[in-house]
Amino acid sequence: MLKTNGKGYDFEERTAKFAEGVISFARTLKKDTVNLPLINQLVRSATSIGVNYMEANGASSERDFKNKISISKKEARETKFWLRIIAKANTEKEEKCRELWRECQELTSIFSKIVLTINKKK
């Protein structure tokens, strides 16, 4: 269950929980020459989603906000890519990759809607 911030669910918490889930998952992967760079890329992009969202919430302007949200969206799309590649390299982990991919797709859709809303305001 997601925490609320008084206005609905806490999206910062959701992105943090996603990053924590990815980190926990990454710890279950074999540490070999194929997986090590993939794990590094996955963890970097997955944790960047929430960091940039938090920065967006502290943005100094609408332009800065849109930029940070766009970066979060980009990082979410990148994370989906790494999950796909890791699933291919670790077929026994496909189901967990799918689960994380679905959550990441939801995050991507939310960021896309935020960007679309900002663009419509102009």
N, C-alpha and C. Protein backbone atom coordinates (compact mmCIF):
# COMPACT_ATOMS: atom_id res chain seq x y z
N MET A 1 0.84 -1.18 0.00
CA MET A 1 0.00 0.00 0.00
C MET A 1 0.88 1.24 0.00
N LEU A 2 0.56 2.17 -0.86
CA LEU A 2 1.35 3.39 -0.94
C LEU A 2 0.92 4.38 0.12
N LYS A 3 1.89 5.07 0.63
CA LYS A 3 1.61 6.13 1.59
C LYS A 3 0.92 7.28 0.87
N THR A 4 0.14 8.03 1.62
CA THR A 4 -0.48 9.21 1.03
C THR A 4 0.24 10.45 1.52
N ASN A 5 0.12 11.50 0.73
CA ASN A 5 0.74 12.77 1.09
C ASN A 5 -0.32 13.80 1.44
N GLY A 6 -1.55 13.33 1.73
CA GLY A 6 -2.64 14.24 2.05
C GLY A 6 -3.43 14.64 0.81
N LYS A 7 -2.90 14.41 -0.36
CA LYS A 7 -3.56 14.78 -1.62
C LYS A 7 -3.86 13.55 -2.46
N GLY A 8 -3.54 12.38 -2.00
CA GLY A 8 -3.67 11.16 -2.77
C GLY A 8 -2.47 10.29 -2.47
N TYR A 9 -2.14 9.40 -3.40
CA TYR A 9 -0.98 8.56 -3.11
C TYR A 9 0.32 9.32 -3.34
N ASP A 10 1.35 8.83 -2.72
CA ASP A 10 2.65 9.48 -2.73
C ASP A 10 3.49 8.89 -3.86
N PHE A 11 3.61 9.62 -4.95
CA PHE A 11 4.33 9.14 -6.12
C PHE A 11 5.83 9.06 -5.85
N GLU A 12 6.35 9.92 -5.01
CA GLU A 12 7.77 9.81 -4.62
C GLU A 12 8.00 8.47 -3.95
N GLU A 13 7.08 8.07 -3.10
CA GLU A 13 7.19 6.77 -2.42
C GLU A 13 7.10 5.63 -3.42
N ARG A 14 6.22 5.76 -4.39
CA ARG A 14 6.08 4.71 -5.40
C ARG A 14 7.36 4.54 -6.20
N THR A 15 7.98 5.64 -6.61
CA THR A 15 9.22 5.53 -7.38
C THR A 15 10.35 4.99 -6.51
N ALA A 16 10.36 5.34 -5.24
CA ALA A 16 11.38 4.80 -4.32
C ALA A 16 11.19 3.29 -4.12
N LYS A 17 9.94 2.86 -3.94
CA LYS A 17 9.65 1.43 -3.78
C LYS A 17 10.06 0.67 -5.03
N PHE A 18 9.83 1.25 -6.20
CA PHE A 18 10.24 0.61 -7.44
C PHE A 18 11.76 0.43 -7.47
N ALA A 19 12.49 1.48 -7.14
CA ALA A 19 13.95 1.41 -7.12
C ALA A 19 14.43 0.36 -6.12
N GLU A 20 13.82 0.32 -4.95
CA GLU A 20 14.19 -0.67 -3.94
C GLU A 20 13.93 -2.09 -4.45
N GLY A 21 12.82 -2.26 -5.16
CA GLY A 21 12.50 -3.57 -5.73
C GLY A 21 13.51 -3.99 -6.77
N VAL A 22 13.96 -3.04 -7.59
CA VAL A 22 14.97 -3.33 -8.60
C VAL A 22 16.29 -3.71 -7.93
N ILE A 23 16.66 -2.99 -6.90
CA ILE A 23 17.91 -3.30 -6.18
C ILE A 23 17.84 -4.70 -5.57
N SER A 24 16.73 -5.03 -4.94
CA SER A 24 16.56 -6.37 -4.36
C SER A 24 16.66 -7.43 -5.45
N PHE A 25 16.01 -7.18 -6.57
CA PHE A 25 16.06 -8.11 -7.70
C PHE A 25 17.50 -8.25 -8.22
N ALA A 26 18.19 -7.13 -8.38
CA ALA A 26 19.55 -7.16 -8.91
C ALA A 26 20.46 -8.02 -8.03
N ARG A 27 20.22 -8.02 -6.74
CA ARG A 27 21.03 -8.81 -5.82
C ARG A 27 20.84 -10.32 -6.03
N THR A 28 19.75 -10.71 -6.70
CA THR A 28 19.49 -12.14 -6.92
C THR A 28 20.15 -12.66 -8.20
N LEU A 29 20.66 -11.76 -9.01
CA LEU A 29 21.25 -12.16 -10.30
C LEU A 29 22.67 -12.67 -10.12
N LYS A 30 23.06 -13.61 -10.99
CA LYS A 30 24.44 -14.11 -10.98
C LYS A 30 25.37 -12.95 -11.32
N LYS A 31 26.50 -12.92 -10.65
CA LYS A 31 27.49 -11.87 -10.90
C LYS A 31 28.54 -12.44 -11.87
N ASP A 32 28.23 -12.39 -13.16
CA ASP A 32 29.16 -12.88 -14.17
C ASP A 32 29.45 -11.77 -15.18
N THR A 33 30.27 -12.07 -16.17
CA THR A 33 30.70 -11.03 -17.12
C THR A 33 29.56 -10.46 -17.95
N VAL A 34 28.51 -11.23 -18.16
CA VAL A 34 27.35 -10.71 -18.89
C VAL A 34 26.49 -9.85 -17.98
N ASN A 35 26.19 -10.36 -16.81
CA ASN A 35 25.25 -9.67 -15.92
C ASN A 35 25.79 -8.41 -15.25
N LEU A 36 27.05 -8.38 -14.91
CA LEU A 36 27.56 -7.22 -14.15
C LEU A 36 27.29 -5.88 -14.83
N PRO A 37 27.60 -5.70 -16.12
CA PRO A 37 27.28 -4.40 -16.72
C PRO A 37 25.78 -4.16 -16.85
N LEU A 38 25.02 -5.22 -17.07
CA LEU A 38 23.56 -5.07 -17.17
C LEU A 38 22.97 -4.64 -15.83
N ILE A 39 23.43 -5.25 -14.76
CA ILE A 39 22.96 -4.90 -13.42
C ILE A 39 23.29 -3.44 -13.12
N ASN A 40 24.49 -3.04 -13.43
CA ASN A 40 24.91 -1.66 -13.19
C ASN A 40 23.99 -0.68 -13.92
N GLN A 41 23.74 -0.93 -15.18
CA GLN A 41 22.89 -0.05 -15.98
C GLN A 41 21.46 -0.03 -15.44
N LEU A 42 20.95 -1.21 -15.09
CA LEU A 42 19.58 -1.30 -14.57
C LEU A 42 19.43 -0.51 -13.28
N VAL A 43 20.33 -0.71 -12.36
CA VAL A 43 20.23 -0.03 -11.06
C VAL A 43 20.37 1.48 -11.24
N ARG A 44 21.28 1.90 -12.10
CA ARG A 44 21.46 3.34 -12.33
C ARG A 44 20.19 3.98 -12.91
N SER A 45 19.62 3.36 -13.92
CA SER A 45 18.44 3.97 -14.53
C SER A 45 17.22 3.88 -13.62
N ALA A 46 17.04 2.76 -12.93
CA ALA A 46 15.86 2.59 -12.06
C ALA A 46 15.88 3.56 -10.88
N THR A 47 17.05 3.79 -10.31
CA THR A 47 17.12 4.71 -9.17
C THR A 47 17.03 6.17 -9.63
N SER A 48 17.42 6.42 -10.85
CA SER A 48 17.37 7.78 -11.39
C SER A 48 15.93 8.26 -11.61
N ILE A 49 15.02 7.33 -11.82
CA ILE A 49 13.61 7.70 -12.04
C ILE A 49 13.10 8.53 -10.86
N GLY A 50 13.23 7.99 -9.66
CA GLY A 50 12.72 8.66 -8.48
C GLY A 50 13.49 9.91 -8.11
N VAL A 51 14.80 9.87 -8.30
CA VAL A 51 15.62 11.04 -7.97
C VAL A 51 15.19 12.24 -8.82
N ASN A 52 15.01 12.01 -10.11
CA ASN A 52 14.60 13.11 -10.98
C ASN A 52 13.18 13.56 -10.71
N TYR A 53 12.31 12.64 -10.30
CA TYR A 53 10.96 13.04 -9.93
C TYR A 53 11.00 13.93 -8.68
N MET A 54 11.82 13.55 -7.71
CA MET A 54 11.95 14.39 -6.51
C MET A 54 12.51 15.76 -6.86
N GLU A 55 13.48 15.79 -7.76
CA GLU A 55 14.02 17.07 -8.19
C GLU A 55 12.97 17.90 -8.93
N ALA A 56 12.12 17.24 -9.68
CA ALA A 56 11.04 17.96 -10.37
C ALA A 56 10.12 18.63 -9.36
N ASN A 57 9.84 17.94 -8.26
CA ASN A 57 8.97 18.52 -7.24
C ASN A 57 9.60 19.74 -6.57
N GLY A 58 10.90 19.86 -6.64
CA GLY A 58 11.58 21.03 -6.08
C GLY A 58 12.05 22.00 -7.15
N ALA A 59 11.49 21.87 -8.35
CA ALA A 59 11.94 22.67 -9.49
C ALA A 59 11.73 24.16 -9.25
N SER A 60 12.62 24.94 -9.85
CA SER A 60 12.56 26.39 -9.69
C SER A 60 11.66 27.06 -10.72
N SER A 61 11.25 26.32 -11.74
CA SER A 61 10.39 26.88 -12.78
C SER A 61 9.62 25.75 -13.45
N GLU A 62 8.62 26.12 -14.22
CA GLU A 62 7.86 25.12 -14.96
C GLU A 62 8.75 24.41 -15.98
N ARG A 63 9.64 25.16 -16.58
CA ARG A 63 10.57 24.57 -17.55
C ARG A 63 11.48 23.54 -16.88
N ASP A 64 11.98 23.87 -15.70
CA ASP A 64 12.82 22.95 -14.94
C ASP A 64 12.02 21.71 -14.55
N PHE A 65 10.77 21.92 -14.12
CA PHE A 65 9.89 20.81 -13.76
C PHE A 65 9.70 19.87 -14.95
N LYS A 66 9.37 20.43 -16.09
CA LYS A 66 9.14 19.61 -17.29
C LYS A 66 10.41 18.86 -17.67
N ASN A 67 11.55 19.51 -17.57
CA ASN A 67 12.82 18.86 -17.90
C ASN A 67 13.08 17.66 -17.00
N LYS A 68 12.88 17.82 -15.70
CA LYS A 68 13.13 16.73 -14.76
C LYS A 68 12.13 15.58 -14.95
N ILE A 69 10.88 15.92 -15.22
CA ILE A 69 9.87 14.88 -15.49
C ILE A 69 10.23 14.14 -16.76
N SER A 70 10.69 14.87 -17.77
CA SER A 70 11.10 14.23 -19.02
C SER A 70 12.29 13.30 -18.81
N ILE A 71 13.20 13.68 -17.93
CA ILE A 71 14.33 12.80 -17.61
C ILE A 71 13.83 11.55 -16.89
N SER A 72 12.89 11.71 -15.97
CA SER A 72 12.31 10.55 -15.29
C SER A 72 11.69 9.60 -16.30
N LYS A 73 10.97 10.14 -17.24
CA LYS A 73 10.34 9.33 -18.29
C LYS A 73 11.41 8.60 -19.12
N LYS A 74 12.45 9.30 -19.48
CA LYS A 74 13.54 8.71 -20.26
C LYS A 74 14.20 7.57 -19.48
N GLU A 75 14.45 7.80 -18.20
CA GLU A 75 15.08 6.78 -17.36
C GLU A 75 14.16 5.57 -17.19
N ALA A 76 12.86 5.80 -17.11
CA ALA A 76 11.91 4.68 -17.01
C ALA A 76 11.94 3.85 -18.29
N ARG A 77 11.98 4.52 -19.43
CA ARG A 77 12.06 3.79 -20.70
C ARG A 77 13.36 2.99 -20.78
N GLU A 78 14.45 3.58 -20.34
CA GLU A 78 15.74 2.88 -20.33
C GLU A 78 15.69 1.66 -19.40
N THR A 79 15.06 1.82 -18.26
CA THR A 79 14.94 0.72 -17.30
C THR A 79 14.18 -0.44 -17.92
N LYS A 80 13.12 -0.15 -18.66
CA LYS A 80 12.38 -1.22 -19.34
C LYS A 80 13.28 -1.97 -20.31
N PHE A 81 14.14 -1.26 -21.00
CA PHE A 81 15.08 -1.89 -21.93
C PHE A 81 16.00 -2.87 -21.18
N TRP A 82 16.60 -2.39 -20.08
CA TRP A 82 17.52 -3.24 -19.33
C TRP A 82 16.81 -4.45 -18.75
N LEU A 83 15.58 -4.29 -18.31
CA LEU A 83 14.81 -5.43 -17.80
C LEU A 83 14.59 -6.47 -18.90
N ARG A 84 14.32 -5.99 -20.09
CA ARG A 84 14.14 -6.92 -21.23
C ARG A 84 15.42 -7.71 -21.50
N ILE A 85 16.54 -7.01 -21.52
CA ILE A 85 17.82 -7.67 -21.82
C ILE A 85 18.19 -8.64 -20.70
N ILE A 86 17.97 -8.23 -19.46
CA ILE A 86 18.28 -9.12 -18.33
C ILE A 86 17.40 -10.37 -18.37
N ALA A 87 16.15 -10.21 -18.74
CA ALA A 87 15.26 -11.37 -18.86
C ALA A 87 15.78 -12.34 -19.91
N LYS A 88 16.30 -11.82 -20.99
CA LYS A 88 16.84 -12.67 -22.05
C LYS A 88 18.13 -13.37 -21.59
N ALA A 89 18.94 -12.67 -20.83
CA ALA A 89 20.20 -13.24 -20.35
C ALA A 89 20.01 -14.18 -19.15
N ASN A 90 18.86 -14.08 -18.50
CA ASN A 90 18.58 -14.87 -17.29
C ASN A 90 17.16 -15.40 -17.38
N THR A 91 16.94 -16.37 -18.23
CA THR A 91 15.58 -16.84 -18.51
C THR A 91 14.83 -17.29 -17.26
N GLU A 92 15.55 -17.73 -16.25
CA GLU A 92 14.89 -18.15 -15.01
C GLU A 92 14.32 -16.96 -14.24
N LYS A 93 14.67 -15.74 -14.63
CA LYS A 93 14.19 -14.52 -13.96
C LYS A 93 13.16 -13.77 -14.79
N GLU A 94 12.68 -14.38 -15.88
CA GLU A 94 11.75 -13.70 -16.78
C GLU A 94 10.51 -13.16 -16.08
N GLU A 95 9.91 -13.95 -15.21
CA GLU A 95 8.66 -13.52 -14.57
C GLU A 95 8.88 -12.29 -13.69
N LYS A 96 9.95 -12.27 -12.92
CA LYS A 96 10.24 -11.10 -12.07
C LYS A 96 10.54 -9.89 -12.95
N CYS A 97 11.25 -10.10 -14.04
CA CYS A 97 11.51 -8.99 -14.97
C CYS A 97 10.21 -8.44 -15.54
N ARG A 98 9.29 -9.34 -15.87
CA ARG A 98 7.99 -8.90 -16.40
C ARG A 98 7.23 -8.07 -15.37
N GLU A 99 7.26 -8.52 -14.14
CA GLU A 99 6.58 -7.81 -13.05
C GLU A 99 7.16 -6.39 -12.89
N LEU A 100 8.47 -6.30 -12.84
CA LEU A 100 9.11 -4.99 -12.72
C LEU A 100 8.87 -4.14 -13.97
N TRP A 101 8.89 -4.77 -15.14
CA TRP A 101 8.65 -4.07 -16.40
C TRP A 101 7.26 -3.45 -16.39
N ARG A 102 6.26 -4.20 -15.93
CA ARG A 102 4.88 -3.68 -15.89
C ARG A 102 4.78 -2.45 -14.99
N GLU A 103 5.40 -2.51 -13.82
CA GLU A 103 5.38 -1.34 -12.94
C GLU A 103 6.09 -0.17 -13.60
N CYS A 104 7.20 -0.44 -14.25
CA CYS A 104 7.95 0.62 -14.92
C CYS A 104 7.14 1.21 -16.08
N GLN A 105 6.37 0.37 -16.76
CA GLN A 105 5.50 0.87 -17.83
C GLN A 105 4.45 1.81 -17.26
N GLU A 106 3.91 1.48 -16.10
CA GLU A 106 2.94 2.38 -15.46
C GLU A 106 3.59 3.71 -15.11
N LEU A 107 4.81 3.67 -14.59
CA LEU A 107 5.53 4.92 -14.28
C LEU A 107 5.74 5.73 -15.56
N THR A 108 6.14 5.06 -16.62
CA THR A 108 6.36 5.73 -17.91
C THR A 108 5.07 6.41 -18.37
N SER A 109 3.96 5.72 -18.25
CA SER A 109 2.67 6.28 -18.67
C SER A 109 2.29 7.51 -17.84
N ILE A 110 2.56 7.45 -16.56
CA ILE A 110 2.27 8.59 -15.69
C ILE A 110 3.12 9.79 -16.08
N PHE A 111 4.41 9.57 -16.28
CA PHE A 111 5.29 10.67 -16.70
C PHE A 111 4.86 11.22 -18.05
N SER A 112 4.46 10.35 -18.96
CA SER A 112 4.01 10.79 -20.28
C SER A 112 2.78 11.69 -20.15
N LYS A 113 1.86 11.30 -19.28
CA LYS A 113 0.65 12.09 -19.07
C LYS A 113 0.99 13.45 -18.45
N ILE A 114 1.92 13.48 -17.54
CA ILE A 114 2.33 14.76 -16.93
C ILE A 114 2.91 15.68 -18.01
N VAL A 115 3.80 15.16 -18.85
CA VAL A 115 4.40 15.96 -19.92
C VAL A 115 3.32 16.44 -20.89
N LEU A 116 2.40 15.55 -21.25
CA LEU A 116 1.31 15.92 -22.16
C LEU A 116 0.45 17.04 -21.57
N THR A 117 0.16 16.94 -20.29
CA THR A 117 -0.65 17.97 -19.60
C THR A 117 0.08 19.32 -19.61
N ILE A 118 1.38 19.30 -19.34
CA ILE A 118 2.16 20.54 -19.35
C ILE A 118 2.14 21.15 -20.76
N ASN A 119 2.32 20.33 -21.77
CA ASN A 119 2.32 20.82 -23.15
C ASN A 119 0.98 21.39 -23.56
N LYS A 120 -0.12 20.81 -23.06
CA LYS A 120 -1.47 21.30 -23.40
C LYS A 120 -1.75 22.65 -22.74
N LYS A 121 -1.12 22.90 -21.60
CA LYS A 121 -1.33 24.17 -20.90
C LYS A 121 -0.78 25.34 -21.68
N LYS A 122 0.20 25.08 -22.52
CA LYS A 122 0.87 26.17 -23.23
C LYS A 122 0.12 26.60 -24.45
